[in-house]
Amino acid sequence: MTSRSIPCIERKAAGRVGIAALALLACLALPPPAARADALASANAAYARGDFIGAVNLLTPLALRGNARAQAFLGFLFENGYGVPQAYVAAADLYVQAAVSGNPFGQGMLGLMYDKGHGVPQDFVLAYKWLNLAAARAPKRERDYFLRLRNAVASKMSPTQIAEGQWLAMHWATASRP
């Protein structure tokens, strides 16, 4: 296992307090189990009508319970400051959780975070890895988008770095199979 195999995200103590407070508030207002099935759809609807705080409130309990789609969506809200203060480290943490669970949107967005160095150290090899994985898992209509992003990252890399990114993606894909 290389040092690039496991993403390392450093958190500042102040960031932990903010996330912990958000988690506590979410736990106090947990919806009943039947309501959770529709929470993602409700969060999408809230986002579409511009109710970003409502979307955050619906997504947070799901994300805390490990729902990869909710983690990726909530990461997007944190990355862009919709309904919450913009927090790249929190966004990257949520994307990591979604990406490790195999969510292609989370993988792609984590790749972009590595490309930009937002919330994680800038690392084109890891950006390539996660964008490659996102393209492999994404539905057809999204696959080309992730491939274009991956190729844009590749344009900044040496052939050796591209080979390393491909190896990491292949190793991750084969190691994470049940």
C-alpha atoms as a PDB file:
ATOM      1  CA  MET A   1       0.000   0.000   0.000  1.00  0.00           C
ATOM      2  CA  THR A   2       1.407   3.382  -0.985  1.00  0.00           C
ATOM      3  CA  SER A   3       1.019   6.566   0.997  1.00  0.00           C
ATOM      4  CA  ARG A   4      -1.432   7.713  -1.701  1.00  0.00           C
ATOM      5  CA  SER A   5      -3.777   4.767  -1.113  1.00  0.00           C
ATOM      6  CA  ILE A   6      -5.570   6.332   1.830  1.00  0.00           C
ATOM      7  CA  PRO A   7      -6.571   9.995   1.623  1.00  0.00           C
ATOM      8  CA  CYS A   8      -5.393  12.018   4.578  1.00  0.00           C
ATOM      9  CA  ILE A   9      -7.457  15.039   5.539  1.00  0.00           C
ATOM     10  CA  GLU A  10      -6.268  17.241   8.331  1.00  0.00           C
ATOM     11  CA  ARG A  11      -8.941  18.960  10.357  1.00  0.00           C
ATOM     12  CA  LYS A  12      -8.538  21.985  12.538  1.00  0.00           C
ATOM     13  CA  ALA A  13     -10.126  21.879  15.979  1.00  0.00           C
ATOM     14  CA  ALA A  14     -12.489  24.702  15.062  1.00  0.00           C
ATOM     15  CA  GLY A  15     -13.760  22.737  12.070  1.00  0.00           C
ATOM     16  CA  ARG A  16     -14.475  19.734  14.284  1.00  0.00           C
ATOM     17  CA  VAL A  17     -16.580  21.842  16.629  1.00  0.00           C
ATOM     18  CA  GLY A  18     -18.685  23.126  13.719  1.00  0.00           C
ATOM     19  CA  ILE A  19     -19.238  19.650  12.273  1.00  0.00           C
ATOM     20  CA  ALA A  20     -19.944  18.209  15.712  1.00  0.00           C
ATOM     21  CA  ALA A  21     -22.537  20.905  16.393  1.00  0.00           C
ATOM     22  CA  LEU A  22     -24.159  20.212  13.033  1.00  0.00           C
ATOM     23  CA  ALA A  23     -24.193  16.478  13.774  1.00  0.00           C
ATOM     24  CA  LEU A  24     -25.738  17.056  17.207  1.00  0.00           C
ATOM     25  CA  LEU A  25     -28.504  19.214  15.757  1.00  0.00           C
ATOM     26  CA  ALA A  26     -29.199  16.591  13.116  1.00  0.00           C
ATOM     27  CA  CYS A  27     -29.449  13.814  15.712  1.00  0.00           C
ATOM     28  CA  LEU A  28     -31.980  15.809  17.704  1.00  0.00           C
ATOM     29  CA  ALA A  29     -34.316  16.065  14.717  1.00  0.00           C
ATOM     30  CA  LEU A  30     -34.134  12.572  13.212  1.00  0.00           C
ATOM     31  CA  PRO A  31     -37.054  11.702  10.970  1.00  0.00           C
ATOM     32  CA  PRO A  32     -38.888   8.420  11.518  1.00  0.00           C
ATOM     33  CA  PRO A  33     -37.631   5.471   9.392  1.00  0.00           C
ATOM     34  CA  ALA A  34     -40.448   5.713   6.819  1.00  0.00           C
ATOM     35  CA  ALA A  35     -39.646   9.378   6.190  1.00  0.00           C
ATOM     36  CA  ARG A  36     -35.966   8.624   5.496  1.00  0.00           C
ATOM     37  CA  ALA A  37     -36.809   6.831   2.251  1.00  0.00           C
ATOM     38  CA  ASP A  38     -38.085  10.093   0.793  1.00  0.00           C
ATOM     39  CA  ALA A  39     -35.509  12.358   2.419  1.00  0.00           C
ATOM     40  CA  LEU A  40     -33.191  12.342  -0.620  1.00  0.00           C
ATOM     41  CA  ALA A  41     -36.051  13.242  -2.941  1.00  0.00           C
ATOM     42  CA  SER A  42     -37.179  15.942  -0.522  1.00  0.00           C
ATOM     43  CA  ALA A  43     -33.612  17.277  -0.292  1.00  0.00           C
ATOM     44  CA  ASN A  44     -33.404  17.425  -4.088  1.00  0.00           C
ATOM     45  CA  ALA A  45     -36.706  19.301  -4.188  1.00  0.00           C
ATOM     46  CA  ALA A  46     -35.551  21.720  -1.474  1.00  0.00           C
ATOM     47  CA  TYR A  47     -32.307  22.346  -3.361  1.00  0.00           C
ATOM     48  CA  ALA A  48     -34.192  22.906  -6.628  1.00  0.00           C
ATOM     49  CA  ARG A  49     -36.394  25.570  -5.044  1.00  0.00           C
ATOM     50  CA  GLY A  50     -33.391  27.271  -3.413  1.00  0.00           C
ATOM     51  CA  ASP A  51     -34.101  26.077   0.139  1.00  0.00           C
ATOM     52  CA  PHE A  52     -30.482  25.137   0.811  1.00  0.00           C
ATOM     53  CA  ILE A  53     -30.858  25.099   4.600  1.00  0.00           C
ATOM     54  CA  GLY A  54     -33.778  22.715   4.243  1.00  0.00           C
ATOM     55  CA  ALA A  55     -31.683  20.473   1.992  1.00  0.00           C
ATOM     56  CA  VAL A  56     -28.864  20.452   4.570  1.00  0.00           C
ATOM     57  CA  ASN A  57     -31.326  19.579   7.339  1.00  0.00           C
ATOM     58  CA  LEU A  58     -32.718  16.661   5.324  1.00  0.00           C
ATOM     59  CA  LEU A  59     -29.330  15.336   4.183  1.00  0.00           C
ATOM     60  CA  THR A  60     -27.365  15.548   7.434  1.00  0.00           C
ATOM     61  CA  PRO A  61     -29.073  12.663   9.294  1.00  0.00           C
ATOM     62  CA  LEU A  62     -28.761  10.441   6.220  1.00  0.00           C
ATOM     63  CA  ALA A  63     -25.100  11.344   5.747  1.00  0.00           C
ATOM     64  CA  LEU A  64     -24.347  10.615   9.393  1.00  0.00           C
ATOM     65  CA  ARG A  65     -25.900   7.173   8.944  1.00  0.00           C
ATOM     66  CA  GLY A  66     -23.579   6.436   5.993  1.00  0.00           C
ATOM     67  CA  ASN A  67     -25.837   7.117   3.002  1.00  0.00           C
ATOM     68  CA  ALA A  68     -23.281   7.729   0.236  1.00  0.00           C
ATOM     69  CA  ARG A  69     -25.642   9.750  -1.970  1.00  0.00           C
ATOM     70  CA  ALA A  70     -26.487  12.041   0.945  1.00  0.00           C
ATOM     71  CA  GLN A  71     -22.790  12.367   1.843  1.00  0.00           C
ATOM     72  CA  ALA A  72     -21.891  13.390  -1.703  1.00  0.00           C
ATOM     73  CA  PHE A  73     -24.802  15.849  -1.966  1.00  0.00           C
ATOM     74  CA  LEU A  74     -24.024  17.354   1.448  1.00  0.00           C
ATOM     75  CA  GLY A  75     -20.363  17.606   0.436  1.00  0.00           C
ATOM     76  CA  PHE A  76     -21.436  19.611  -2.612  1.00  0.00           C
ATOM     77  CA  LEU A  77     -23.416  21.982  -0.385  1.00  0.00           C
ATOM     78  CA  PHE A  78     -20.415  22.477   1.928  1.00  0.00           C
ATOM     79  CA  GLU A  79     -18.034  22.949  -1.000  1.00  0.00           C
ATOM     80  CA  ASN A  80     -20.181  25.700  -2.468  1.00  0.00           C
ATOM     81  CA  GLY A  81     -21.494  27.267   0.745  1.00  0.00           C
ATOM     82  CA  TYR A  82     -25.162  26.488   0.036  1.00  0.00           C
ATOM     83  CA  GLY A  83     -27.113  26.478   3.304  1.00  0.00           C
ATOM     84  CA  VAL A  84     -23.903  26.174   5.327  1.00  0.00           C
ATOM     85  CA  PRO A  85     -20.679  28.170   5.504  1.00  0.00           C
ATOM     86  CA  GLN A  86     -18.320  27.172   2.702  1.00  0.00           C
ATOM     87  CA  ALA A  87     -15.955  24.582   4.162  1.00  0.00           C
ATOM     88  CA  TYR A  88     -13.630  22.712   1.812  1.00  0.00           C
ATOM     89  CA  VAL A  89     -12.304  20.382   4.506  1.00  0.00           C
ATOM     90  CA  ALA A  90     -15.820  19.307   5.511  1.00  0.00           C
ATOM     91  CA  ALA A  91     -16.738  18.876   1.835  1.00  0.00           C
ATOM     92  CA  ALA A  92     -13.643  16.775   1.179  1.00  0.00           C
ATOM     93  CA  ASP A  93     -14.383  14.631   4.238  1.00  0.00           C
ATOM     94  CA  LEU A  94     -17.926  13.971   3.021  1.00  0.00           C
ATOM     95  CA  TYR A  95     -16.682  13.235  -0.500  1.00  0.00           C
ATOM     96  CA  VAL A  96     -14.138  10.763   0.904  1.00  0.00           C
ATOM     97  CA  GLN A  97     -16.889   8.915   2.760  1.00  0.00           C
ATOM     98  CA  ALA A  98     -19.084   8.790  -0.357  1.00  0.00           C
ATOM     99  CA  ALA A  99     -16.157   7.856  -2.624  1.00  0.00           C
ATOM    100  CA  VAL A 100     -15.038   4.983  -0.423  1.00  0.00           C
ATOM    101  CA  SER A 101     -18.620   3.677  -0.559  1.00  0.00           C
ATOM    102  CA  GLY A 102     -18.420   3.707  -4.362  1.00  0.00           C
ATOM    103  CA  ASN A 103     -20.577   6.738  -5.120  1.00  0.00           C
ATOM    104  CA  PRO A 104     -19.441   8.048  -8.541  1.00  0.00           C
ATOM    105  CA  PHE A 105     -20.457  11.657  -7.835  1.00  0.00           C
ATOM    106  CA  GLY A 106     -18.492  11.586  -4.568  1.00  0.00           C
ATOM    107  CA  GLN A 107     -15.517  10.035  -6.366  1.00  0.00           C
ATOM    108  CA  GLY A 108     -15.603  12.641  -9.119  1.00  0.00           C
ATOM    109  CA  MET A 109     -15.963  15.560  -6.757  1.00  0.00           C
ATOM    110  CA  LEU A 110     -13.154  14.225  -4.558  1.00  0.00           C
ATOM    111  CA  GLY A 111     -11.019  14.040  -7.710  1.00  0.00           C
ATOM    112  CA  LEU A 112     -11.762  17.695  -8.413  1.00  0.00           C
ATOM    113  CA  MET A 113     -10.892  18.631  -4.823  1.00  0.00           C
ATOM    114  CA  TYR A 114      -7.489  16.958  -5.277  1.00  0.00           C
ATOM    115  CA  ASP A 115      -7.058  18.709  -8.620  1.00  0.00           C
ATOM    116  CA  LYS A 116      -7.700  22.128  -7.059  1.00  0.00           C
ATOM    117  CA  GLY A 117      -6.162  21.435  -3.657  1.00  0.00           C
ATOM    118  CA  HIS A 118      -9.398  22.410  -1.896  1.00  0.00           C
ATOM    119  CA  GLY A 119      -9.679  20.765   1.517  1.00  0.00           C
ATOM    120  CA  VAL A 120      -6.933  18.269   0.615  1.00  0.00           C
ATOM    121  CA  PRO A 121      -3.359  18.686  -0.590  1.00  0.00           C
ATOM    122  CA  GLN A 122      -3.211  19.236  -4.351  1.00  0.00           C
ATOM    123  CA  ASP A 123      -2.361  15.896  -5.926  1.00  0.00           C
ATOM    124  CA  PHE A 124      -2.945  15.252  -9.634  1.00  0.00           C
ATOM    125  CA  VAL A 125      -2.306  11.511  -9.298  1.00  0.00           C
ATOM    126  CA  LEU A 126      -5.099  11.127  -6.730  1.00  0.00           C
ATOM    127  CA  ALA A 127      -7.312  13.453  -8.761  1.00  0.00           C
ATOM    128  CA  TYR A 128      -6.780  11.185 -11.776  1.00  0.00           C
ATOM    129  CA  LYS A 129      -7.465   8.059  -9.699  1.00  0.00           C
ATOM    130  CA  TRP A 130     -10.789   9.292  -8.325  1.00  0.00           C
ATOM    131  CA  LEU A 131     -11.977  10.745 -11.650  1.00  0.00           C
ATOM    132  CA  ASN A 132     -11.075   7.470 -13.367  1.00  0.00           C
ATOM    133  CA  LEU A 133     -13.080   5.522 -10.782  1.00  0.00           C
ATOM    134  CA  ALA A 134     -16.005   7.934 -11.138  1.00  0.00           C
ATOM    135  CA  ALA A 135     -16.040   7.457 -14.908  1.00  0.00           C
ATOM    136  CA  ALA A 136     -15.979   3.684 -14.502  1.00  0.00           C
ATOM    137  CA  ARG A 137     -18.940   3.653 -12.084  1.00  0.00           C
ATOM    138  CA  ALA A 138     -21.030   6.509 -13.470  1.00  0.00           C
ATOM    139  CA  PRO A 139     -24.132   6.006 -15.582  1.00  0.00           C
ATOM    140  CA  LYS A 140     -23.558   6.489 -19.328  1.00  0.00           C
ATOM    141  CA  ARG A 141     -24.966  10.034 -19.365  1.00  0.00           C
ATOM    142  CA  GLU A 142     -22.363  11.137 -16.763  1.00  0.00           C
ATOM    143  CA  ARG A 143     -19.427   8.984 -17.867  1.00  0.00           C
ATOM    144  CA  ASP A 144     -18.246  11.311 -20.635  1.00  0.00           C
ATOM    145  CA  TYR A 145     -18.235  14.253 -18.218  1.00  0.00           C
ATOM    146  CA  PHE A 146     -15.941  12.452 -15.752  1.00  0.00           C
ATOM    147  CA  LEU A 147     -13.716  11.249 -18.608  1.00  0.00           C
ATOM    148  CA  ARG A 148     -13.287  14.839 -19.855  1.00  0.00           C
ATOM    149  CA  LEU A 149     -12.378  15.976 -16.347  1.00  0.00           C
ATOM    150  CA  ARG A 150      -9.932  13.082 -15.929  1.00  0.00           C
ATOM    151  CA  ASN A 151      -8.316  13.890 -19.269  1.00  0.00           C
ATOM    152  CA  ALA A 152      -8.011  17.559 -18.305  1.00  0.00           C
ATOM    153  CA  VAL A 153      -6.160  16.503 -15.159  1.00  0.00           C
ATOM    154  CA  ALA A 154      -4.009  14.129 -17.237  1.00  0.00           C
ATOM    155  CA  SER A 155      -2.905  17.061 -19.394  1.00  0.00           C
ATOM    156  CA  LYS A 156      -1.054  18.396 -16.307  1.00  0.00           C
ATOM    157  CA  MET A 157       0.670  15.065 -15.596  1.00  0.00           C
ATOM    158  CA  SER A 158       3.712  13.168 -16.817  1.00  0.00           C
ATOM    159  CA  PRO A 159       3.263   9.701 -18.364  1.00  0.00           C
ATOM    160  CA  THR A 160       4.679   8.196 -15.163  1.00  0.00           C
ATOM    161  CA  GLN A 161       2.114  10.028 -13.036  1.00  0.00           C
ATOM    162  CA  ILE A 162      -0.716   8.913 -15.344  1.00  0.00           C
ATOM    163  CA  ALA A 163       0.457   5.309 -15.047  1.00  0.00           C
ATOM    164  CA  GLU A 164       0.521   5.656 -11.256  1.00  0.00           C
ATOM    165  CA  GLY A 165      -3.010   7.104 -11.256  1.00  0.00           C
ATOM    166  CA  GLN A 166      -4.223   4.242 -13.454  1.00  0.00           C
ATOM    167  CA  TRP A 167      -2.545   1.694 -11.196  1.00  0.00           C
ATOM    168  CA  LEU A 168      -4.099   3.235  -8.082  1.00  0.00           C
ATOM    169  CA  ALA A 169      -7.557   3.213  -9.682  1.00  0.00           C
ATOM    170  CA  MET A 170      -7.184  -0.377 -10.840  1.00  0.00           C
ATOM    171  CA  HIS A 171      -5.841  -1.461  -7.451  1.00  0.00           C
ATOM    172  CA  TRP A 172      -8.691   0.318  -5.659  1.00  0.00           C
ATOM    173  CA  ALA A 173     -11.306  -1.228  -7.958  1.00  0.00           C
ATOM    174  CA  THR A 174      -9.992  -4.756  -7.519  1.00  0.00           C
ATOM    175  CA  ALA A 175      -9.344  -4.415  -3.778  1.00  0.00           C
ATOM    176  CA  SER A 176     -12.816  -3.011  -3.023  1.00  0.00           C
ATOM    177  CA  ARG A 177     -14.748  -5.825  -4.728  1.00  0.00           C
ATOM    178  CA  PRO A 178     -16.705  -8.075  -2.349  1.00  0.00           C
END
